[in-house]
Amino acid sequence: MLLPHQADRHLTQKIEEVCELVDIRVIDHIVIGKGEYFSFAEHGWIS
């Protein structure tokens, strides 16, 4: 199973924080690699 790096998680958190300032909701962050994908939303990692 493909898992995102800590840098991916940190980047997603920062994007969510910045978007919140302008009232934009991040729905998902998808990481794709080696023919697989990881959806932050599917794993409950998006606030």
N, C-alpha and C. Protein backbone atom coordinates (compact mmCIF):
# COMPACT_ATOMS: atom_id res chain seq x y z
N MET A 1 0.84 -1.18 0.00
CA MET A 1 0.00 0.00 0.00
C MET A 1 0.89 1.25 0.00
N LEU A 2 0.57 2.16 -0.86
CA LEU A 2 1.30 3.42 -0.96
C LEU A 2 0.93 4.32 0.21
N LEU A 3 1.93 4.82 0.91
CA LEU A 3 1.71 5.78 1.99
C LEU A 3 2.47 7.07 1.69
N PRO A 4 1.86 8.22 1.95
CA PRO A 4 2.55 9.49 1.68
C PRO A 4 3.67 9.73 2.68
N HIS A 5 4.66 10.47 2.23
CA HIS A 5 5.76 10.87 3.11
C HIS A 5 5.28 11.91 4.11
N GLN A 6 6.04 12.10 5.15
CA GLN A 6 5.73 13.13 6.15
C GLN A 6 5.64 14.50 5.49
N ALA A 7 6.47 14.73 4.47
CA ALA A 7 6.44 16.01 3.76
C ALA A 7 5.08 16.24 3.09
N ASP A 8 4.47 15.17 2.56
CA ASP A 8 3.13 15.28 1.95
C ASP A 8 2.11 15.67 3.01
N ARG A 9 2.19 15.06 4.17
CA ARG A 9 1.25 15.37 5.25
C ARG A 9 1.42 16.82 5.72
N HIS A 10 2.66 17.25 5.84
CA HIS A 10 2.95 18.62 6.28
C HIS A 10 2.44 19.62 5.25
N LEU A 11 2.70 19.35 3.97
CA LEU A 11 2.24 20.24 2.91
C LEU A 11 0.72 20.34 2.91
N THR A 12 0.04 19.23 3.06
CA THR A 12 -1.42 19.23 3.09
C THR A 12 -1.94 20.07 4.26
N GLN A 13 -1.32 19.92 5.41
CA GLN A 13 -1.73 20.70 6.59
C GLN A 13 -1.55 22.20 6.32
N LYS A 14 -0.43 22.58 5.73
CA LYS A 14 -0.17 23.99 5.43
C LYS A 14 -1.17 24.52 4.41
N ILE A 15 -1.47 23.73 3.38
CA ILE A 15 -2.45 24.14 2.37
C ILE A 15 -3.81 24.35 3.02
N GLU A 16 -4.21 23.44 3.90
CA GLU A 16 -5.49 23.59 4.60
C GLU A 16 -5.51 24.87 5.42
N GLU A 17 -4.43 25.16 6.12
CA GLU A 17 -4.37 26.37 6.97
C GLU A 17 -4.49 27.64 6.13
N VAL A 18 -3.78 27.70 5.01
CA VAL A 18 -3.82 28.88 4.15
C VAL A 18 -5.20 29.03 3.50
N CYS A 19 -5.75 27.95 3.04
CA CYS A 19 -7.07 28.01 2.39
C CYS A 19 -8.15 28.45 3.37
N GLU A 20 -8.02 28.03 4.61
CA GLU A 20 -8.99 28.42 5.63
C GLU A 20 -9.04 29.95 5.79
N LEU A 21 -7.93 30.62 5.61
CA LEU A 21 -7.87 32.08 5.73
C LEU A 21 -8.76 32.78 4.71
N VAL A 22 -8.93 32.16 3.55
CA VAL A 22 -9.75 32.76 2.49
C VAL A 22 -11.03 31.96 2.25
N ASP A 23 -11.43 31.20 3.27
CA ASP A 23 -12.68 30.45 3.27
C ASP A 23 -12.81 29.44 2.12
N ILE A 24 -11.70 28.72 1.86
CA ILE A 24 -11.70 27.65 0.86
C ILE A 24 -11.49 26.34 1.60
N ARG A 25 -12.28 25.35 1.26
CA ARG A 25 -12.19 24.04 1.90
C ARG A 25 -11.41 23.08 1.01
N VAL A 26 -10.42 22.42 1.56
CA VAL A 26 -9.67 21.40 0.83
C VAL A 26 -10.46 20.10 0.95
N ILE A 27 -10.81 19.52 -0.17
CA ILE A 27 -11.64 18.31 -0.18
C ILE A 27 -10.79 17.05 -0.15
N ASP A 28 -9.65 17.06 -0.83
CA ASP A 28 -8.80 15.88 -0.86
C ASP A 28 -7.40 16.26 -1.33
N HIS A 29 -6.45 15.42 -1.01
CA HIS A 29 -5.08 15.49 -1.54
C HIS A 29 -4.77 14.06 -1.93
N ILE A 30 -4.45 13.87 -3.20
CA ILE A 30 -4.19 12.52 -3.70
C ILE A 30 -2.72 12.43 -4.10
N VAL A 31 -2.04 11.42 -3.57
CA VAL A 31 -0.64 11.15 -3.91
C VAL A 31 -0.65 9.93 -4.84
N ILE A 32 0.03 10.05 -5.97
CA ILE A 32 0.06 8.96 -6.96
C ILE A 32 1.50 8.50 -7.14
N GLY A 33 1.69 7.19 -7.14
CA GLY A 33 3.02 6.64 -7.36
C GLY A 33 2.98 5.15 -7.57
N LYS A 34 3.84 4.67 -8.46
CA LYS A 34 3.97 3.24 -8.74
C LYS A 34 2.64 2.57 -9.06
N GLY A 35 1.78 3.26 -9.82
CA GLY A 35 0.51 2.67 -10.22
C GLY A 35 -0.53 2.61 -9.11
N GLU A 36 -0.25 3.21 -7.98
CA GLU A 36 -1.18 3.24 -6.85
C GLU A 36 -1.48 4.68 -6.49
N TYR A 37 -2.47 4.88 -5.63
CA TYR A 37 -2.76 6.23 -5.15
C TYR A 37 -3.12 6.16 -3.67
N PHE A 38 -2.98 7.30 -3.01
CA PHE A 38 -3.38 7.43 -1.61
C PHE A 38 -4.23 8.68 -1.50
N SER A 39 -5.45 8.53 -1.03
CA SER A 39 -6.37 9.65 -0.85
C SER A 39 -6.41 10.03 0.62
N PHE A 40 -6.04 11.27 0.90
CA PHE A 40 -6.09 11.75 2.28
C PHE A 40 -7.53 11.71 2.81
N ALA A 41 -8.49 12.05 1.98
CA ALA A 41 -9.89 12.05 2.42
C ALA A 41 -10.37 10.63 2.75
N GLU A 42 -10.04 9.66 1.92
CA GLU A 42 -10.45 8.27 2.16
C GLU A 42 -9.92 7.73 3.49
N HIS A 43 -8.77 8.25 3.93
CA HIS A 43 -8.16 7.78 5.17
C HIS A 43 -8.41 8.71 6.35
N GLY A 44 -9.26 9.71 6.14
CA GLY A 44 -9.64 10.61 7.23
C GLY A 44 -8.53 11.59 7.63
N TRP A 45 -7.61 11.87 6.71
CA TRP A 45 -6.50 12.76 7.02
C TRP A 45 -6.76 14.22 6.62
N ILE A 46 -7.93 14.50 6.08
CA ILE A 46 -8.33 15.87 5.73
C ILE A 46 -9.31 16.33 6.79
N SER A 47 -9.08 17.54 7.30
CA SER A 47 -9.96 18.07 8.35
C SER A 47 -11.32 18.43 7.79
